[in-house]
Amino acid sequence: MAEPGDDSEKTEEPSQKRLEEALKRGDVVKSQEVNTWFVMAGATLVLMAFSAGMSRDLTATMRGLIANSWQISVDGPALPGLFKKIGLEIVAAVAIPFLVLMLAALGGNLVQHKLVWSFDGLMPKLSKLSPLAGLQRQFSKQAIANFGKGLVKIVIVGAVLASLMWPERQHMEALVHSDPATLLPYVFSITLKLMGTVVAMLAVIAAADYLFQYRQWYEKQKMSLRELKEEFKQSEGDPTIKGKLKQMRQARMRKRMMAAVPKASVIITNPTHFAVALQYERGMAAPICVAKGVDALALKIREIATEHRIPIVENPPLARALHATVQIDQVIPAEHYKAVAEVIGYVMRLRRAVALP
């Protein structure tokens, strides 16, 4: 049992990389009940849509064989030819229904996860050959849960089907003395009714089982703090990760700059392409750059300055020079002292003039 604060306990949400690696290994969410439902639904569709055509084609084939049996040659090469002809007619009759069933089986997997090509499950493992490991798998919690789930499913489905068939018992007893021509439509109707009921019940079971399987799979993918740290160390050199980290840093810097603009004493602009926000108070050795930007960022700086009534001075050469040479939270270079001092002096005179009655 992991001690409190132990970073080996799997308590953290899985990273995107962890989920992608699981997919590459073929470790995906898979509910057998979902596959069963798709196959049963496909079989019901085949029975409803194609049973009449299949029976008609196969009946015509068999009727022709029986009616013309005395003319059919089975000597020498004729017998393989006969089998080939019968086989082709049977394949032609069942091809579309068989294709529907194949698509249903494939759809049962595709709705749970995207198509995965992985050979990890085919690689030989000594643990699979160990009798002890096999016994442990047979009596594991997962195996016991699957056994209980199957038993409950059989009991529930069996009880519902029995309740449907019970009212039909007298009718079914009378079928012994019925005309065979009336037997097939009745059997078809009862079969379709039973299969429809099974499909409806399996839909609920499949949905519940998928949620259960997904939860188990997701819990298995969870990571410990130690694994998260190791993954971060491994991916730190990834250009994609570096790019994302750079974007995050830039976003934080822009947010900090926008928060500092109201503290500025003056905004020097290009007027549209560059904007540099300077802060100066008495006692400071030189003005400090609290924000700067180009184009959209410069426009945002001017908007905030306008909202807080901060003077905006257009001086294109000075704005371009300051933007290229001064960094955020640094004093301006000495070569720009004179030009900036003139701007600061102008702003102070303007403020005094506005303050006078």
Protein backbone atom coordinates (compact mmCIF):
# COMPACT_ATOMS: atom_id res chain seq x y z
CA MET A 1 0.00 0.00 0.00
CA ALA A 2 1.33 3.42 -0.93
CA GLU A 3 2.13 5.74 1.94
CA PRO A 4 0.55 9.20 2.08
CA GLY A 5 2.49 11.48 -0.21
CA ASP A 6 4.02 8.55 -2.11
CA ASP A 7 4.53 9.70 -5.71
CA SER A 8 4.32 6.11 -7.02
CA GLU A 9 0.56 5.84 -6.44
CA LYS A 10 -1.44 6.15 -9.67
CA THR A 11 -3.70 9.06 -8.78
CA GLU A 12 -3.11 11.47 -11.69
CA GLU A 13 -5.13 11.75 -14.90
CA PRO A 14 -3.37 10.14 -17.90
CA SER A 15 -1.58 12.48 -20.26
CA GLN A 16 -2.35 12.63 -23.97
CA LYS A 17 0.97 10.92 -24.66
CA ARG A 18 0.06 8.05 -22.33
CA LEU A 19 -3.28 7.56 -24.11
CA GLU A 20 -1.62 7.64 -27.55
CA GLU A 21 0.96 5.05 -26.46
CA ALA A 22 -1.83 2.78 -25.19
CA LEU A 23 -3.55 3.07 -28.57
CA LYS A 24 -0.34 2.16 -30.40
CA ARG A 25 0.03 -0.95 -28.21
CA GLY A 26 -3.52 -1.97 -29.03
CA ASP A 27 -4.61 -1.32 -25.45
CA VAL A 28 -8.06 0.10 -26.16
CA VAL A 29 -11.52 0.03 -24.64
CA LYS A 30 -13.31 -3.08 -25.84
CA SER A 31 -16.64 -4.44 -24.71
CA GLN A 32 -17.57 -7.85 -26.06
CA GLU A 33 -21.20 -7.05 -25.34
CA VAL A 34 -21.09 -4.21 -27.87
CA ASN A 35 -19.77 -6.60 -30.52
CA THR A 36 -22.46 -9.12 -29.62
CA TRP A 37 -25.17 -6.48 -29.96
CA PHE A 38 -23.97 -5.42 -33.41
CA VAL A 39 -23.85 -9.02 -34.62
CA MET A 40 -27.33 -9.76 -33.23
CA ALA A 41 -28.70 -6.54 -34.74
CA GLY A 42 -27.11 -7.46 -38.08
CA ALA A 43 -28.58 -10.96 -37.92
CA THR A 44 -32.02 -9.53 -37.18
CA LEU A 45 -31.67 -7.14 -40.13
CA VAL A 46 -30.63 -10.03 -42.38
CA LEU A 47 -33.62 -12.06 -41.22
CA MET A 48 -36.02 -9.19 -41.88
CA ALA A 49 -34.61 -7.97 -45.20
CA PHE A 50 -32.96 -10.93 -46.90
CA SER A 51 -34.55 -14.13 -45.60
CA ALA A 52 -37.25 -14.18 -48.27
CA GLY A 53 -34.78 -13.69 -51.12
CA MET A 54 -32.34 -16.24 -49.69
CA SER A 55 -35.00 -18.89 -49.23
CA ARG A 56 -36.41 -18.23 -52.70
CA ASP A 57 -33.01 -18.57 -54.40
CA LEU A 58 -31.97 -21.64 -52.43
CA THR A 59 -35.38 -23.24 -52.94
CA ALA A 60 -35.12 -22.70 -56.69
CA THR A 61 -31.67 -24.28 -56.70
CA MET A 62 -32.69 -27.34 -54.69
CA ARG A 63 -35.95 -27.73 -56.62
CA GLY A 64 -34.06 -27.72 -59.89
CA LEU A 65 -31.63 -30.35 -58.63
CA ILE A 66 -34.41 -32.62 -57.43
CA ALA A 67 -36.61 -32.15 -60.52
CA ASN A 68 -33.74 -32.82 -62.93
CA SER A 69 -31.74 -35.28 -60.85
CA TRP A 70 -32.17 -38.05 -63.44
CA GLN A 71 -30.49 -35.85 -66.07
CA ILE A 72 -27.52 -34.75 -63.95
CA SER A 73 -24.28 -36.52 -64.81
CA VAL A 74 -21.97 -37.29 -61.88
CA ASP A 75 -19.37 -39.28 -63.77
CA GLY A 76 -15.74 -38.16 -64.05
CA PRO A 77 -15.22 -34.38 -64.15
CA ALA A 78 -18.96 -33.68 -64.08
CA LEU A 79 -19.22 -34.14 -60.28
CA PRO A 80 -16.72 -31.35 -59.37
CA GLY A 81 -18.48 -29.13 -61.89
CA LEU A 82 -21.82 -29.84 -60.22
CA PHE A 83 -20.42 -29.00 -56.77
CA LYS A 84 -18.91 -25.82 -58.16
CA LYS A 85 -22.22 -24.71 -59.68
CA ILE A 86 -24.16 -25.43 -56.50
CA GLY A 87 -21.51 -23.67 -54.41
CA LEU A 88 -21.62 -20.55 -56.59
CA GLU A 89 -25.41 -20.38 -56.38
CA ILE A 90 -25.31 -20.75 -52.59
CA VAL A 91 -22.59 -18.08 -52.30
CA ALA A 92 -24.62 -15.73 -54.53
CA ALA A 93 -27.67 -16.25 -52.31
CA VAL A 94 -25.89 -15.61 -48.99
CA ALA A 95 -23.22 -13.08 -50.12
CA ILE A 96 -25.07 -9.88 -49.21
CA PRO A 97 -26.37 -11.19 -45.83
CA PHE A 98 -22.86 -12.44 -45.01
CA LEU A 99 -21.42 -9.04 -45.94
CA VAL A 100 -23.96 -7.33 -43.64
CA LEU A 101 -22.87 -9.57 -40.76
CA MET A 102 -19.19 -8.81 -41.45
CA LEU A 103 -19.87 -5.06 -41.48
CA ALA A 104 -21.83 -5.40 -38.24
CA ALA A 105 -18.93 -7.22 -36.56
CA LEU A 106 -16.50 -4.56 -37.82
CA GLY A 107 -18.83 -1.75 -36.73
CA GLY A 108 -18.92 -3.18 -33.20
CA ASN A 109 -15.19 -2.45 -32.92
CA LEU A 110 -15.13 0.87 -34.78
CA VAL A 111 -17.76 2.48 -32.54
CA GLN A 112 -15.59 1.72 -29.51
CA HIS A 113 -12.22 2.87 -30.84
CA LYS A 114 -10.60 3.86 -34.10
CA LEU A 115 -8.90 1.25 -36.24
CA VAL A 116 -5.66 0.04 -34.64
CA TRP A 117 -2.83 -1.87 -36.30
CA SER A 118 -0.69 -3.32 -33.53
CA PHE A 119 1.35 -6.53 -33.36
CA ASP A 120 2.13 -6.32 -29.64
CA GLY A 121 -0.63 -8.79 -28.84
CA LEU A 122 0.87 -11.32 -31.30
CA MET A 123 4.35 -11.23 -29.78
CA PRO A 124 5.17 -14.40 -27.79
CA LYS A 125 5.34 -13.92 -24.03
CA LEU A 126 6.61 -16.46 -21.53
CA SER A 127 3.93 -15.39 -19.04
CA LYS A 128 1.29 -16.76 -21.41
CA LEU A 129 2.95 -20.19 -21.31
CA SER A 130 3.15 -20.34 -17.53
CA PRO A 131 0.49 -22.66 -16.00
CA LEU A 132 0.56 -20.62 -12.80
CA ALA A 133 -0.07 -17.38 -14.71
CA GLY A 134 -2.89 -19.10 -16.59
CA LEU A 135 -4.54 -20.18 -13.35
CA GLN A 136 -4.20 -16.67 -11.97
CA ARG A 137 -5.92 -15.30 -15.07
CA GLN A 138 -8.70 -17.88 -14.80
CA PHE A 139 -9.44 -16.92 -11.20
CA SER A 140 -8.66 -13.21 -11.42
CA LYS A 141 -11.15 -10.51 -10.48
CA GLN A 142 -11.73 -9.76 -14.16
CA ALA A 143 -12.48 -13.42 -14.96
CA ILE A 144 -14.86 -13.73 -12.01
CA ALA A 145 -16.58 -10.49 -13.01
CA ASN A 146 -16.98 -11.73 -16.60
CA PHE A 147 -18.39 -15.05 -15.36
CA GLY A 148 -20.90 -13.29 -13.11
CA LYS A 149 -21.84 -10.89 -15.90
CA GLY A 150 -22.44 -13.74 -18.33
CA LEU A 151 -24.49 -15.67 -15.79
CA VAL A 152 -26.68 -12.66 -15.03
CA LYS A 153 -27.14 -11.99 -18.74
CA ILE A 154 -28.21 -15.58 -19.41
CA VAL A 155 -30.67 -15.53 -16.51
CA ILE A 156 -32.24 -12.21 -17.49
CA VAL A 157 -32.44 -12.90 -21.23
CA GLY A 158 -33.67 -16.44 -20.61
CA ALA A 159 -36.38 -15.25 -18.22
CA VAL A 160 -37.63 -12.62 -20.67
CA LEU A 161 -37.66 -15.06 -23.60
CA ALA A 162 -39.45 -17.67 -21.51
CA SER A 163 -42.10 -15.11 -20.55
CA LEU A 164 -42.61 -14.30 -24.24
CA MET A 165 -42.88 -17.94 -25.27
CA TRP A 166 -45.15 -19.06 -22.43
CA PRO A 167 -48.36 -17.59 -23.90
CA GLU A 168 -47.53 -19.35 -27.21
CA ARG A 169 -47.26 -22.85 -25.74
CA GLN A 170 -50.75 -23.98 -26.75
CA HIS A 171 -50.35 -22.61 -30.25
CA MET A 172 -47.00 -24.38 -30.60
CA GLU A 173 -48.54 -27.68 -29.48
CA ALA A 174 -51.16 -27.33 -32.20
CA LEU A 175 -48.46 -26.91 -34.85
CA VAL A 176 -47.83 -30.65 -34.75
CA HIS A 177 -51.08 -31.17 -36.61
CA SER A 178 -50.80 -28.05 -38.80
CA ASP A 179 -50.11 -27.81 -42.50
CA PRO A 180 -46.35 -27.37 -43.15
CA ALA A 181 -47.19 -24.37 -45.34
CA THR A 182 -48.47 -22.49 -42.27
CA LEU A 183 -45.60 -23.60 -40.07
CA LEU A 184 -42.82 -21.55 -41.65
CA PRO A 185 -44.56 -18.11 -41.45
CA TYR A 186 -45.36 -18.72 -37.77
CA VAL A 187 -41.80 -19.80 -36.96
CA PHE A 188 -40.48 -16.78 -38.85
CA SER A 189 -42.76 -14.43 -36.90
CA ILE A 190 -41.83 -15.94 -33.51
CA THR A 191 -38.11 -15.94 -34.37
CA LEU A 192 -38.24 -12.30 -35.43
CA LYS A 193 -40.08 -11.36 -32.24
CA LEU A 194 -37.54 -13.17 -30.04
CA MET A 195 -34.54 -11.70 -31.86
CA GLY A 196 -36.00 -8.18 -31.64
CA THR A 197 -36.44 -8.62 -27.90
CA VAL A 198 -32.89 -9.92 -27.52
CA VAL A 199 -31.50 -6.98 -29.50
CA ALA A 200 -33.38 -4.49 -27.32
CA MET A 201 -32.15 -6.11 -24.10
CA LEU A 202 -28.58 -6.44 -25.34
CA ALA A 203 -28.55 -2.73 -26.21
CA VAL A 204 -28.97 -1.88 -22.52
CA ILE A 205 -26.45 -4.53 -21.44
CA ALA A 206 -23.92 -3.37 -24.07
CA ALA A 207 -24.19 0.29 -23.01
CA ALA A 208 -23.70 -0.59 -19.34
CA ASP A 209 -20.80 -2.93 -20.09
CA TYR A 210 -19.07 -0.36 -22.31
CA LEU A 211 -19.20 2.25 -19.54
CA PHE A 212 -17.83 -0.33 -17.11
CA GLN A 213 -15.01 -1.36 -19.47
CA TYR A 214 -14.15 2.26 -20.24
CA ARG A 215 -13.91 3.10 -16.56
CA GLN A 216 -11.63 0.13 -15.91
CA TRP A 217 -9.44 1.01 -18.90
CA TYR A 218 -9.20 4.66 -17.88
CA GLU A 219 -8.26 3.76 -14.30
CA LYS A 220 -5.53 1.50 -15.69
CA GLN A 221 -4.11 4.38 -17.74
CA LYS A 222 -3.78 6.71 -14.75
CA MET A 223 -0.28 7.84 -13.86
CA SER A 224 1.71 8.45 -10.73
CA LEU A 225 3.46 11.73 -9.98
CA ARG A 226 6.76 9.98 -10.64
CA GLU A 227 5.60 8.87 -14.10
CA LEU A 228 4.39 12.38 -14.91
CA LYS A 229 7.77 13.83 -13.94
CA GLU A 230 9.63 11.24 -16.04
CA GLU A 231 7.38 11.88 -19.03
CA PHE A 232 7.92 15.62 -18.73
CA LYS A 233 11.70 15.12 -18.64
CA GLN A 234 11.56 12.91 -21.73
CA SER A 235 9.34 15.28 -23.69
CA GLU A 236 11.08 18.50 -22.65
CA GLY A 237 13.31 18.37 -25.72
CA ASP A 238 10.40 17.82 -28.08
CA PRO A 239 10.02 20.82 -30.44
CA THR A 240 6.23 20.60 -30.10
CA ILE A 241 6.46 20.77 -26.31
CA LYS A 242 8.97 23.61 -26.53
CA GLY A 243 6.66 25.50 -28.85
CA LYS A 244 3.73 25.07 -26.48
CA LEU A 245 5.86 26.19 -23.52
CA LYS A 246 6.98 29.23 -25.49
CA GLN A 247 3.36 30.09 -26.31
CA MET A 248 2.43 29.76 -22.64
CA ARG A 249 5.30 32.03 -21.62
CA GLN A 250 4.34 34.60 -24.23
CA ALA A 251 0.71 34.50 -23.11
CA ARG A 252 1.73 35.05 -19.48
CA MET A 253 4.03 37.90 -20.51
CA ARG A 254 1.26 39.59 -22.54
CA LYS A 255 -1.13 39.26 -19.63
CA ARG A 256 1.42 40.78 -17.25
CA MET A 257 2.13 43.61 -19.69
CA MET A 258 -1.54 44.45 -20.10
CA ALA A 259 -1.89 44.59 -16.31
CA ALA A 260 1.10 46.98 -16.12
CA VAL A 261 -0.08 49.43 -18.82
CA PRO A 262 -2.31 51.44 -16.42
CA LYS A 263 0.84 52.20 -14.37
CA ALA A 264 2.59 53.80 -17.36
CA SER A 265 3.29 57.53 -17.53
CA VAL A 266 3.27 57.79 -21.33
CA ILE A 267 2.75 55.62 -24.42
CA ILE A 268 5.11 56.32 -27.34
CA THR A 269 3.69 55.08 -30.66
CA ASN A 270 4.61 54.73 -34.34
CA PRO A 271 1.55 55.58 -34.47
CA THR A 272 -0.04 52.28 -35.63
CA HIS A 273 2.66 49.60 -35.75
CA PHE A 274 4.62 50.10 -32.51
CA ALA A 275 3.70 51.06 -28.96
CA VAL A 276 6.03 51.35 -25.96
CA ALA A 277 4.68 52.08 -22.47
CA LEU A 278 7.11 53.92 -20.14
CA GLN A 279 6.77 54.49 -16.43
CA TYR A 280 8.57 57.38 -14.70
CA GLU A 281 8.25 58.78 -11.20
CA ARG A 282 10.32 61.30 -9.33
CA GLY A 283 13.39 59.74 -7.81
CA MET A 284 13.80 57.11 -10.56
CA ALA A 285 17.16 57.09 -12.35
CA ALA A 286 15.49 56.61 -15.75
CA PRO A 287 12.09 55.61 -17.18
CA ILE A 288 11.25 51.88 -17.21
CA CYS A 289 9.54 50.01 -20.05
CA VAL A 290 6.47 48.25 -18.61
CA ALA A 291 4.95 47.09 -21.93
CA LYS A 292 5.65 47.05 -25.66
CA GLY A 293 4.10 45.52 -28.71
CA VAL A 294 3.62 45.46 -32.46
CA ASP A 295 0.43 45.70 -34.53
CA ALA A 296 -2.45 43.97 -32.62
CA LEU A 297 -0.59 44.08 -29.32
CA ALA A 298 0.27 47.73 -29.88
CA LEU A 299 -3.39 48.47 -30.58
CA LYS A 300 -4.37 46.74 -27.32
CA ILE A 301 -1.83 48.84 -25.39
CA ARG A 302 -3.27 52.02 -26.89
CA GLU A 303 -6.82 50.93 -26.03
CA ILE A 304 -5.94 50.32 -22.39
CA ALA A 305 -4.05 53.61 -22.26
CA THR A 306 -7.08 55.45 -23.64
CA GLU A 307 -9.33 53.82 -21.04
CA HIS A 308 -7.04 54.95 -18.20
CA ARG A 309 -6.35 58.41 -19.72
CA ILE A 310 -2.64 57.80 -20.17
CA PRO A 311 -1.03 60.27 -22.63
CA ILE A 312 -0.19 58.83 -26.06
CA VAL A 313 2.64 60.57 -27.93
CA GLU A 314 3.37 59.84 -31.58
CA ASN A 315 7.11 59.66 -32.25
CA PRO A 316 7.80 56.97 -34.89
CA PRO A 317 11.64 57.00 -34.79
CA LEU A 318 11.73 56.88 -30.98
CA ALA A 319 9.00 54.20 -30.80
CA ARG A 320 10.86 51.93 -33.23
CA ALA A 321 14.20 52.47 -31.49
CA LEU A 322 12.82 51.79 -28.00
CA HIS A 323 10.95 48.68 -29.18
CA ALA A 324 14.16 47.27 -30.65
CA THR A 325 16.51 48.05 -27.76
CA VAL A 326 14.64 47.99 -24.45
CA GLN A 327 13.26 44.93 -22.66
CA ILE A 328 10.26 44.67 -20.33
CA ASP A 329 10.94 45.89 -16.76
CA GLN A 330 14.28 47.41 -17.83
CA VAL A 331 15.36 51.06 -17.90
CA ILE A 332 15.71 52.65 -21.30
CA PRO A 333 19.21 52.76 -22.87
CA ALA A 334 21.31 55.87 -22.15
CA GLU A 335 21.33 56.94 -25.81
CA HIS A 336 17.56 57.56 -25.61
CA TYR A 337 17.61 59.59 -22.38
CA LYS A 338 17.42 62.96 -24.14
CA ALA A 339 14.56 62.04 -26.50
CA VAL A 340 12.54 60.35 -23.75
CA ALA A 341 13.21 63.24 -21.35
CA GLU A 342 11.69 65.65 -23.87
CA VAL A 343 8.58 63.45 -24.14
CA ILE A 344 8.27 63.07 -20.36
CA GLY A 345 8.73 66.84 -19.93
CA TYR A 346 6.05 67.49 -22.52
CA VAL A 347 3.63 65.16 -20.74
CA MET A 348 4.30 66.77 -17.34
CA ARG A 349 3.75 70.27 -18.76
CA LEU A 350 0.54 69.06 -20.35
CA ARG A 351 -0.68 67.62 -17.03
CA ARG A 352 0.11 70.87 -15.18
CA ALA A 353 -1.75 72.84 -17.80
CA VAL A 354 -4.80 70.59 -17.49
CA ALA A 355 -4.65 70.79 -13.67
CA LEU A 356 -4.70 74.61 -13.70
CA PRO A 357 -8.21 76.19 -13.33
